[in-house]
Amino acid sequence: MPEEVLFESESSQPRADIASYLRTVADRLESGDAITLKTGTDSVTLNPPASPTFEVKAEREGPTDGPGELSVEFELEWDENAETEDGGSGPLEIE
């Protein structure tokens, strides 16, 4: 299935700023409000359903015999036409 990027932003930021951004997203999810992503003149507003699929992934990219790049990705996913989604493999815990 082809993928269309609706919005993209990447920048180096202090951890506190990233935490504040994620808190705003969490607050919007908890209250059931839409989420608007905005940078410069680019923006997109999305309204996740009550139970989207939530994916968390930790990755290491690079050579197997040397240092690489680490990442953690958080993704919400849902069918544009669906009101609800099934649960996944169980509750996620973050420590």
N, C-alpha and C. Protein backbone atom coordinates (compact mmCIF):
# COMPACT_ATOMS: atom_id res chain seq x y z
N MET A 1 0.85 -1.17 0.00
CA MET A 1 0.00 0.00 0.00
C MET A 1 0.90 1.24 0.00
N PRO A 2 0.66 2.20 -0.89
CA PRO A 2 1.50 3.40 -0.94
C PRO A 2 1.31 4.25 0.32
N GLU A 3 2.36 4.93 0.68
CA GLU A 3 2.34 5.79 1.86
C GLU A 3 2.43 7.24 1.43
N GLU A 4 1.59 8.09 2.01
CA GLU A 4 1.60 9.53 1.74
C GLU A 4 1.97 10.23 3.04
N VAL A 5 3.06 10.98 3.04
CA VAL A 5 3.47 11.72 4.23
C VAL A 5 2.63 13.00 4.29
N LEU A 6 1.83 13.13 5.34
CA LEU A 6 0.98 14.31 5.52
C LEU A 6 1.69 15.43 6.25
N PHE A 7 2.67 15.07 7.08
CA PHE A 7 3.41 16.05 7.88
C PHE A 7 4.70 15.39 8.33
N GLU A 8 5.78 16.15 8.37
CA GLU A 8 7.04 15.62 8.87
C GLU A 8 7.86 16.74 9.47
N SER A 9 8.44 16.46 10.62
CA SER A 9 9.31 17.43 11.28
C SER A 9 10.42 16.65 11.98
N GLU A 10 11.64 17.11 11.87
CA GLU A 10 12.76 16.49 12.55
C GLU A 10 13.73 17.59 12.97
N SER A 11 14.05 17.63 14.25
CA SER A 11 15.00 18.62 14.74
C SER A 11 15.59 18.16 16.06
N SER A 12 16.76 18.64 16.36
CA SER A 12 17.41 18.35 17.63
C SER A 12 16.83 19.30 18.67
N GLN A 13 16.35 18.75 19.80
CA GLN A 13 15.70 19.57 20.83
C GLN A 13 16.12 19.06 22.21
N PRO A 14 16.10 19.94 23.21
CA PRO A 14 16.36 19.48 24.58
C PRO A 14 15.30 18.48 25.03
N ARG A 15 15.71 17.53 25.88
CA ARG A 15 14.78 16.51 26.37
C ARG A 15 13.54 17.13 27.02
N ALA A 16 13.71 18.23 27.75
CA ALA A 16 12.57 18.87 28.42
C ALA A 16 11.54 19.37 27.41
N ASP A 17 11.99 19.90 26.28
CA ASP A 17 11.06 20.37 25.25
C ASP A 17 10.32 19.21 24.61
N ILE A 18 11.02 18.10 24.39
CA ILE A 18 10.38 16.92 23.82
C ILE A 18 9.33 16.38 24.79
N ALA A 19 9.67 16.34 26.08
CA ALA A 19 8.73 15.86 27.10
C ALA A 19 7.48 16.74 27.13
N SER A 20 7.65 18.04 27.01
CA SER A 20 6.51 18.96 27.01
C SER A 20 5.61 18.70 25.79
N TYR A 21 6.20 18.48 24.64
CA TYR A 21 5.46 18.18 23.42
C TYR A 21 4.66 16.89 23.59
N LEU A 22 5.32 15.85 24.11
CA LEU A 22 4.64 14.57 24.31
C LEU A 22 3.52 14.70 25.34
N ARG A 23 3.71 15.54 26.38
CA ARG A 23 2.65 15.76 27.36
C ARG A 23 1.42 16.41 26.71
N THR A 24 1.66 17.35 25.81
CA THR A 24 0.55 18.00 25.11
C THR A 24 -0.21 16.98 24.27
N VAL A 25 0.51 16.11 23.56
CA VAL A 25 -0.14 15.06 22.78
C VAL A 25 -0.93 14.15 23.72
N ALA A 26 -0.33 13.75 24.84
CA ALA A 26 -1.01 12.87 25.81
C ALA A 26 -2.27 13.53 26.36
N ASP A 27 -2.19 14.81 26.68
CA ASP A 27 -3.37 15.53 27.19
C ASP A 27 -4.49 15.56 26.17
N ARG A 28 -4.15 15.78 24.91
CA ARG A 28 -5.16 15.81 23.84
C ARG A 28 -5.79 14.43 23.65
N LEU A 29 -4.96 13.38 23.69
CA LEU A 29 -5.49 12.02 23.57
C LEU A 29 -6.45 11.72 24.72
N GLU A 30 -6.03 12.07 25.93
CA GLU A 30 -6.84 11.77 27.11
C GLU A 30 -8.17 12.51 27.09
N SER A 31 -8.17 13.73 26.59
CA SER A 31 -9.41 14.51 26.56
C SER A 31 -10.27 14.22 25.33
N GLY A 32 -9.74 13.43 24.37
CA GLY A 32 -10.51 13.11 23.17
C GLY A 32 -10.47 14.19 22.11
N ASP A 33 -9.57 15.17 22.28
CA ASP A 33 -9.45 16.26 21.31
C ASP A 33 -8.58 15.86 20.12
N ALA A 34 -8.75 16.57 19.02
CA ALA A 34 -7.91 16.37 17.84
C ALA A 34 -6.49 16.84 18.15
N ILE A 35 -5.54 16.35 17.39
CA ILE A 35 -4.14 16.72 17.54
C ILE A 35 -3.72 17.47 16.28
N THR A 36 -3.24 18.69 16.45
CA THR A 36 -2.74 19.47 15.32
C THR A 36 -1.23 19.54 15.40
N LEU A 37 -0.58 19.11 14.34
CA LEU A 37 0.87 19.17 14.22
C LEU A 37 1.18 20.37 13.32
N LYS A 38 2.11 21.22 13.77
CA LYS A 38 2.35 22.45 13.03
C LYS A 38 3.82 22.83 13.10
N THR A 39 4.38 23.23 11.98
CA THR A 39 5.71 23.81 11.92
C THR A 39 5.73 24.79 10.75
N GLY A 40 6.09 26.02 11.02
CA GLY A 40 6.07 27.03 9.97
C GLY A 40 4.67 27.16 9.38
N THR A 41 4.56 27.02 8.07
CA THR A 41 3.26 27.10 7.41
C THR A 41 2.62 25.74 7.20
N ASP A 42 3.33 24.66 7.54
CA ASP A 42 2.81 23.30 7.38
C ASP A 42 2.05 22.89 8.63
N SER A 43 0.88 22.29 8.44
CA SER A 43 0.14 21.75 9.58
C SER A 43 -0.81 20.66 9.10
N VAL A 44 -1.16 19.79 10.05
CA VAL A 44 -2.16 18.76 9.80
C VAL A 44 -2.87 18.50 11.13
N THR A 45 -4.18 18.29 11.04
CA THR A 45 -4.98 17.97 12.22
C THR A 45 -5.53 16.57 12.07
N LEU A 46 -5.32 15.76 13.09
CA LEU A 46 -5.78 14.37 13.09
C LEU A 46 -6.63 14.14 14.34
N ASN A 47 -7.62 13.29 14.20
CA ASN A 47 -8.51 12.98 15.32
C ASN A 47 -8.52 11.47 15.54
N PRO A 48 -7.59 10.98 16.38
CA PRO A 48 -7.53 9.53 16.62
C PRO A 48 -8.82 9.02 17.26
N PRO A 49 -9.22 7.79 16.94
CA PRO A 49 -10.40 7.20 17.56
C PRO A 49 -10.11 6.87 19.03
N ALA A 50 -11.11 6.39 19.72
CA ALA A 50 -10.97 6.08 21.15
C ALA A 50 -9.92 5.00 21.41
N SER A 51 -9.72 4.07 20.48
CA SER A 51 -8.76 2.98 20.70
C SER A 51 -7.90 2.73 19.46
N PRO A 52 -6.98 3.65 19.15
CA PRO A 52 -6.09 3.40 18.01
C PRO A 52 -5.08 2.32 18.37
N THR A 53 -4.42 1.78 17.37
CA THR A 53 -3.32 0.85 17.61
C THR A 53 -2.11 1.67 18.03
N PHE A 54 -1.45 1.26 19.10
CA PHE A 54 -0.29 1.98 19.63
C PHE A 54 0.93 1.08 19.51
N GLU A 55 1.92 1.54 18.77
CA GLU A 55 3.14 0.76 18.55
C GLU A 55 4.33 1.50 19.15
N VAL A 56 5.15 0.79 19.89
CA VAL A 56 6.39 1.33 20.44
C VAL A 56 7.51 0.45 19.93
N LYS A 57 8.55 1.09 19.40
CA LYS A 57 9.65 0.33 18.82
C LYS A 57 10.98 0.97 19.24
N ALA A 58 11.92 0.17 19.73
CA ALA A 58 13.29 0.61 19.99
C ALA A 58 14.18 -0.05 18.95
N GLU A 59 15.02 0.75 18.31
CA GLU A 59 15.86 0.23 17.23
C GLU A 59 17.31 0.66 17.39
N ARG A 60 18.18 -0.14 16.83
CA ARG A 60 19.58 0.21 16.68
C ARG A 60 19.91 0.03 15.22
N GLU A 61 20.38 1.08 14.57
CA GLU A 61 20.76 1.01 13.16
C GLU A 61 22.26 1.21 13.05
N GLY A 62 22.90 0.43 12.23
CA GLY A 62 24.32 0.59 12.02
C GLY A 62 25.01 -0.75 11.91
N PRO A 63 26.32 -0.73 11.83
CA PRO A 63 27.08 -1.97 11.67
C PRO A 63 26.98 -2.85 12.92
N THR A 64 27.04 -4.15 12.72
CA THR A 64 26.94 -5.07 13.85
C THR A 64 28.21 -5.06 14.71
N ASP A 65 29.33 -4.60 14.15
CA ASP A 65 30.60 -4.62 14.89
C ASP A 65 31.04 -3.23 15.36
N GLY A 66 30.13 -2.27 15.39
CA GLY A 66 30.52 -0.92 15.81
C GLY A 66 29.33 -0.14 16.30
N PRO A 67 29.58 1.11 16.74
CA PRO A 67 28.49 1.94 17.24
C PRO A 67 27.51 2.29 16.13
N GLY A 68 26.27 2.44 16.52
CA GLY A 68 25.22 2.78 15.56
C GLY A 68 24.38 3.92 16.08
N GLU A 69 23.18 4.01 15.59
CA GLU A 69 22.25 5.05 16.00
C GLU A 69 21.07 4.37 16.68
N LEU A 70 20.71 4.85 17.87
CA LEU A 70 19.58 4.30 18.62
C LEU A 70 18.37 5.19 18.45
N SER A 71 17.20 4.57 18.47
CA SER A 71 15.97 5.36 18.39
C SER A 71 14.85 4.67 19.14
N VAL A 72 13.90 5.46 19.58
CA VAL A 72 12.65 4.94 20.12
C VAL A 72 11.54 5.65 19.35
N GLU A 73 10.58 4.87 18.86
CA GLU A 73 9.50 5.42 18.05
C GLU A 73 8.16 5.10 18.71
N PHE A 74 7.29 6.08 18.73
CA PHE A 74 5.92 5.92 19.23
C PHE A 74 4.99 6.20 18.06
N GLU A 75 4.07 5.28 17.79
CA GLU A 75 3.19 5.43 16.64
C GLU A 75 1.75 5.09 17.01
N LEU A 76 0.85 5.95 16.61
CA LEU A 76 -0.59 5.69 16.70
C LEU A 76 -1.05 5.40 15.28
N GLU A 77 -1.88 4.39 15.13
CA GLU A 77 -2.33 4.01 13.79
C GLU A 77 -3.80 3.62 13.85
N TRP A 78 -4.57 4.04 12.84
CA TRP A 78 -5.97 3.66 12.76
C TRP A 78 -6.45 3.78 11.33
N ASP A 79 -7.51 3.06 11.04
CA ASP A 79 -8.15 3.09 9.74
C ASP A 79 -8.94 4.39 9.64
N GLU A 80 -8.79 5.11 8.56
CA GLU A 80 -9.50 6.39 8.40
C GLU A 80 -11.01 6.24 8.52
N ASN A 81 -11.54 5.09 8.16
CA ASN A 81 -12.99 4.90 8.16
C ASN A 81 -13.52 4.19 9.40
N ALA A 82 -12.62 3.80 10.31
CA ALA A 82 -13.05 3.03 11.48
C ALA A 82 -13.24 3.93 12.70
N GLU A 83 -14.21 3.59 13.51
CA GLU A 83 -14.45 4.32 14.75
C GLU A 83 -13.62 3.75 15.89
N THR A 84 -13.43 2.42 15.90
CA THR A 84 -12.66 1.78 16.97
C THR A 84 -11.74 0.73 16.37
N GLU A 85 -10.74 0.36 17.14
CA GLU A 85 -9.80 -0.68 16.73
C GLU A 85 -9.75 -1.72 17.84
N ASP A 86 -9.36 -2.95 17.48
CA ASP A 86 -9.17 -4.00 18.46
C ASP A 86 -7.92 -3.72 19.27
N GLY A 87 -7.87 -4.27 20.50
CA GLY A 87 -6.69 -4.15 21.32
C GLY A 87 -5.56 -4.98 20.77
N GLY A 88 -4.36 -4.77 21.27
CA GLY A 88 -3.19 -5.47 20.78
C GLY A 88 -2.86 -6.67 21.62
N SER A 89 -1.58 -6.87 21.85
CA SER A 89 -1.10 -8.06 22.56
C SER A 89 -1.08 -7.89 24.07
N GLY A 90 -1.60 -6.83 24.59
CA GLY A 90 -1.61 -6.61 26.03
C GLY A 90 -1.13 -5.22 26.36
N PRO A 91 -1.22 -4.85 27.64
CA PRO A 91 -0.84 -3.49 28.01
C PRO A 91 0.67 -3.26 27.92
N LEU A 92 1.04 -2.08 27.49
CA LEU A 92 2.44 -1.68 27.40
C LEU A 92 2.83 -1.05 28.74
N GLU A 93 4.01 -1.35 29.20
CA GLU A 93 4.53 -0.73 30.41
C GLU A 93 5.80 0.03 30.05
N ILE A 94 5.92 1.24 30.57
CA ILE A 94 7.12 2.04 30.39
C ILE A 94 7.67 2.33 31.77
N GLU A 95 8.90 1.97 32.00
CA GLU A 95 9.52 2.17 33.31
C GLU A 95 10.56 3.26 33.25
